[in-house]
Amino acid sequence: MIEAVVFDMDGIIFDTESLSAQAWKYAGLEIGRDVAEMHPQAMGMNADRIKQLFQDTYGDEFPYDVFRQNIIDYTDNYIAKHGLPVKPGLYELLDYLKQNGYKIAAASSTRRDCVMEYFNRAKITEYFDEIICGDMLEKSKPDPDIYLKAAGALKIEPRNCMALEDSPNGLNSAYRAGMKTVMVPDLIRPTPELQKLLFACVPSLNEVIPLLEQYKVK
């Protein structure tokens, strides 16, 4: 029985993973380093874990704080100019969940001030019963903590929660938390290894409603 749906943010709610990849490329070139290949590894991680990843890979001399600020500046400028890209089917899915009595949570590795700014801009904040962000926990995806915290906040057992994710780190996090893990592919396609973690894989948010209908208690 599925009682709640827990959303990742980047790549699921907002079409921001491709924007993030562009920002990483720009930020690296601004400091004379091509680090674009690191982006897929970092998808789903919070800022502290990404910083540790860079220190482990490039050493303490890598100017991570400058690099990160370049990413923020690029992203903020893009959204100010072009708007916040919302994933197709989002509003229809949120309306369906509310109308059918599901609990709704977000589990995003992004810092809370950014998450709330995006949610308020897209006018979706009121849909969510709980919003768990990367700076609210010590451990980041792929550790299960963020999804366990979301389930605890909702007061629903993880096995009765569906998690919507697009990145390997996020999928591992939700799976390890014991949730029904659904991949909605964005930049990364489902590999045989990822398929083993999945309850289902759907091409877009538009297909989540029919999936939920299959598992409704009649």
Protein backbone atom coordinates (compact mmCIF):
# COMPACT_ATOMS: atom_id res chain seq x y z
CA MET A 1 0.00 0.00 0.00
CA ILE A 2 1.39 3.38 -1.00
CA GLU A 3 0.44 6.18 1.38
CA ALA A 4 2.99 8.87 0.48
CA VAL A 5 5.12 10.10 -2.40
CA VAL A 6 8.52 11.65 -1.74
CA PHE A 7 10.02 13.85 -4.46
CA ASP A 8 13.64 14.59 -5.21
CA MET A 9 13.92 18.15 -6.55
CA ASP A 10 16.56 18.65 -9.26
CA GLY A 11 15.72 16.55 -12.29
CA ILE A 12 12.33 15.50 -10.88
CA ILE A 13 10.40 18.62 -9.89
CA PHE A 14 12.51 21.06 -11.88
CA ASP A 15 14.41 20.55 -15.11
CA THR A 16 17.59 21.79 -13.46
CA GLU A 17 20.07 18.92 -13.87
CA SER A 18 20.99 19.98 -17.42
CA LEU A 19 21.24 23.56 -16.15
CA SER A 20 23.49 22.31 -13.35
CA ALA A 21 25.74 20.56 -15.87
CA GLN A 22 26.07 23.81 -17.83
CA ALA A 23 26.84 25.70 -14.61
CA TRP A 24 29.54 23.19 -13.63
CA LYS A 25 31.22 23.55 -17.01
CA TYR A 26 31.15 27.35 -16.77
CA ALA A 27 32.36 27.35 -13.15
CA GLY A 28 35.27 25.08 -13.97
CA LEU A 29 36.38 27.10 -16.97
CA GLU A 30 36.24 30.28 -14.87
CA ILE A 31 39.01 28.85 -12.66
CA GLY A 32 40.84 27.15 -15.51
CA ARG A 33 39.77 23.59 -14.64
CA ASP A 34 37.60 21.25 -16.67
CA VAL A 35 35.74 19.25 -14.03
CA ALA A 36 32.55 18.54 -15.98
CA GLU A 37 33.15 14.80 -15.72
CA MET A 38 32.61 15.04 -11.96
CA HIS A 39 29.00 16.21 -12.33
CA PRO A 40 27.38 12.76 -12.74
CA GLN A 41 29.19 11.48 -9.63
CA ALA A 42 27.96 14.43 -7.57
CA MET A 43 24.31 14.35 -8.65
CA GLY A 44 22.11 13.99 -5.57
CA MET A 45 24.84 14.84 -3.06
CA ASN A 46 24.66 17.82 -0.73
CA ALA A 47 27.24 20.62 -0.77
CA ASP A 48 29.41 19.19 2.02
CA ARG A 49 29.66 15.80 0.35
CA ILE A 50 30.47 17.35 -3.02
CA LYS A 51 33.22 19.42 -1.40
CA GLN A 52 34.66 16.27 0.15
CA LEU A 53 34.49 14.54 -3.23
CA PHE A 54 36.51 17.35 -4.80
CA GLN A 55 39.07 17.35 -1.98
CA ASP A 56 39.47 13.59 -2.29
CA THR A 57 39.89 13.87 -6.06
CA TYR A 58 41.90 17.08 -6.52
CA GLY A 59 43.33 17.80 -3.08
CA ASP A 60 42.83 20.69 -0.67
CA GLU A 61 44.36 23.16 -3.12
CA PHE A 62 41.30 23.02 -5.39
CA PRO A 63 39.42 26.36 -4.96
CA TYR A 64 36.10 24.69 -4.25
CA ASP A 65 34.41 27.67 -2.61
CA VAL A 66 35.13 29.86 -5.65
CA PHE A 67 33.98 27.07 -7.94
CA ARG A 68 30.71 26.65 -5.99
CA GLN A 69 30.01 30.40 -6.01
CA ASN A 70 30.50 30.42 -9.79
CA ILE A 71 27.87 27.68 -10.05
CA ILE A 72 25.42 29.63 -7.88
CA ASP A 73 25.97 32.84 -9.87
CA TYR A 74 25.48 31.09 -13.21
CA THR A 75 22.33 29.33 -12.04
CA ASP A 76 20.80 32.43 -10.45
CA ASN A 77 21.49 34.50 -13.58
CA TYR A 78 19.96 31.85 -15.85
CA ILE A 79 16.78 31.52 -13.77
CA ALA A 80 16.44 35.30 -13.47
CA LYS A 81 16.61 35.58 -17.25
CA HIS A 82 14.75 32.46 -18.40
CA GLY A 83 12.60 31.44 -15.45
CA LEU A 84 12.49 28.21 -13.46
CA PRO A 85 11.92 25.17 -15.70
CA VAL A 86 9.22 22.91 -14.21
CA LYS A 87 9.06 19.27 -15.25
CA PRO A 88 6.05 18.28 -17.41
CA GLY A 89 3.23 16.70 -15.43
CA LEU A 90 4.28 18.11 -12.05
CA TYR A 91 1.18 20.14 -11.26
CA GLU A 92 -1.17 17.41 -12.46
CA LEU A 93 0.61 14.86 -10.25
CA LEU A 94 0.57 17.11 -7.20
CA ASP A 95 -3.15 17.82 -7.67
CA TYR A 96 -3.85 14.09 -8.01
CA LEU A 97 -1.91 13.27 -4.84
CA LYS A 98 -3.74 15.91 -2.82
CA GLN A 99 -7.15 14.92 -4.15
CA ASN A 100 -6.51 11.25 -3.36
CA GLY A 101 -5.24 11.70 0.17
CA TYR A 102 -1.56 10.88 -0.27
CA LYS A 103 1.03 12.53 1.94
CA ILE A 104 3.64 14.47 -0.02
CA ALA A 105 7.24 15.23 0.92
CA ALA A 106 10.39 16.51 -0.72
CA ALA A 107 13.85 15.04 -0.06
CA SER A 108 16.36 17.30 -1.76
CA SER A 109 20.11 17.49 -1.18
CA THR A 110 19.96 21.19 -2.06
CA ARG A 111 20.22 23.70 0.79
CA ARG A 112 16.87 24.73 2.31
CA ASP A 113 16.94 28.43 1.38
CA CYS A 114 17.32 27.51 -2.29
CA VAL A 115 14.65 24.79 -2.14
CA MET A 116 12.14 27.14 -0.54
CA GLU A 117 12.92 29.91 -3.03
CA TYR A 118 12.30 27.53 -5.93
CA PHE A 119 9.14 26.04 -4.39
CA ASN A 120 7.69 29.47 -3.65
CA ARG A 121 8.55 30.71 -7.14
CA ALA A 122 6.79 27.70 -8.68
CA LYS A 123 3.86 28.06 -6.24
CA ILE A 124 4.07 24.45 -5.02
CA THR A 125 5.05 24.90 -1.36
CA GLU A 126 1.51 24.40 -0.07
CA TYR A 127 1.32 20.93 -1.65
CA PHE A 128 4.07 19.53 0.57
CA ASP A 129 3.48 18.14 4.04
CA GLU A 130 7.22 17.96 4.73
CA ILE A 131 10.30 19.41 3.00
CA ILE A 132 13.63 17.82 3.98
CA CYS A 133 16.80 19.46 2.63
CA GLY A 134 20.47 18.64 2.41
CA ASP A 135 21.60 21.07 5.09
CA MET A 136 19.23 19.50 7.62
CA LEU A 137 21.28 16.30 7.90
CA GLU A 138 24.91 15.29 8.39
CA LYS A 139 24.83 12.47 5.85
CA SER A 140 23.90 13.00 2.21
CA LYS A 141 22.59 10.73 -0.53
CA PRO A 142 23.44 7.90 -1.24
CA ASP A 143 23.07 7.36 2.52
CA PRO A 144 19.41 6.70 3.38
CA ASP A 145 19.11 9.36 6.10
CA ILE A 146 17.19 11.98 4.10
CA TYR A 147 14.49 9.51 3.05
CA LEU A 148 14.26 8.02 6.53
CA LYS A 149 13.84 11.53 7.92
CA ALA A 150 11.12 12.27 5.36
CA ALA A 151 9.22 9.09 6.26
CA GLY A 152 9.59 9.85 9.97
CA ALA A 153 8.30 13.39 9.50
CA LEU A 154 5.29 12.06 7.59
CA LYS A 155 4.77 9.32 10.22
CA ILE A 156 4.54 6.72 7.48
CA GLU A 157 6.60 3.54 7.20
CA PRO A 158 9.22 3.76 4.41
CA ARG A 159 7.82 0.63 2.75
CA ASN A 160 4.57 2.56 2.22
CA CYS A 161 6.32 5.49 0.55
CA MET A 162 7.10 5.89 -3.14
CA ALA A 163 10.28 7.85 -3.90
CA LEU A 164 10.72 9.65 -7.24
CA GLU A 165 14.38 9.96 -8.22
CA ASP A 166 16.59 10.44 -11.28
CA SER A 167 20.19 10.02 -10.05
CA PRO A 168 22.11 6.91 -8.91
CA ASN A 169 22.90 8.56 -5.55
CA GLY A 170 19.24 9.38 -5.00
CA LEU A 171 18.01 5.97 -6.09
CA ASN A 172 20.45 4.24 -3.76
CA SER A 173 19.38 6.50 -0.90
CA ALA A 174 15.68 5.77 -1.33
CA TYR A 175 16.25 2.05 -1.87
CA ARG A 176 18.42 1.78 1.24
CA ALA A 177 15.68 3.57 3.21
CA GLY A 178 13.26 0.83 2.18
CA MET A 179 11.03 2.92 -0.08
CA LYS A 180 9.41 1.90 -3.35
CA THR A 181 11.96 3.52 -5.62
CA VAL A 182 10.76 4.88 -8.97
CA MET A 183 13.22 6.23 -11.49
CA VAL A 184 12.14 9.07 -13.74
CA PRO A 185 15.25 9.31 -15.98
CA ASP A 186 16.73 12.70 -16.75
CA LEU A 187 20.44 12.93 -17.68
CA ILE A 188 21.22 9.34 -16.65
CA ARG A 189 19.52 6.29 -18.11
CA PRO A 190 18.71 3.17 -16.05
CA THR A 191 21.62 0.73 -16.06
CA PRO A 192 21.28 -2.98 -15.22
CA GLU A 193 22.71 -2.17 -11.76
CA LEU A 194 20.14 0.58 -11.18
CA GLN A 195 17.31 -1.61 -12.45
CA LYS A 196 17.90 -3.93 -9.48
CA LEU A 197 16.95 -1.09 -7.12
CA LEU A 198 13.76 -0.08 -8.86
CA PHE A 199 10.13 -0.64 -8.05
CA ALA A 200 9.43 0.91 -11.46
CA CYS A 201 10.89 3.18 -14.13
CA VAL A 202 8.65 5.65 -15.95
CA PRO A 203 9.59 8.13 -18.69
CA SER A 204 8.01 11.18 -17.06
CA LEU A 205 5.88 12.40 -14.16
CA ASN A 206 2.84 11.95 -16.38
CA GLU A 207 3.18 8.17 -15.93
CA VAL A 208 3.30 8.24 -12.11
CA ILE A 209 -0.48 8.60 -11.76
CA PRO A 210 -1.26 5.39 -13.71
CA LEU A 211 1.42 3.63 -11.64
CA LEU A 212 -0.23 4.74 -8.41
CA GLU A 213 -3.64 3.71 -9.72
CA GLN A 214 -2.36 0.14 -10.12
CA TYR A 215 -1.53 -0.06 -6.42
CA LYS A 216 -4.55 1.72 -5.01
CA VAL A 217 -6.50 -0.13 -2.38
CA LYS A 218 -9.85 -0.93 -3.99
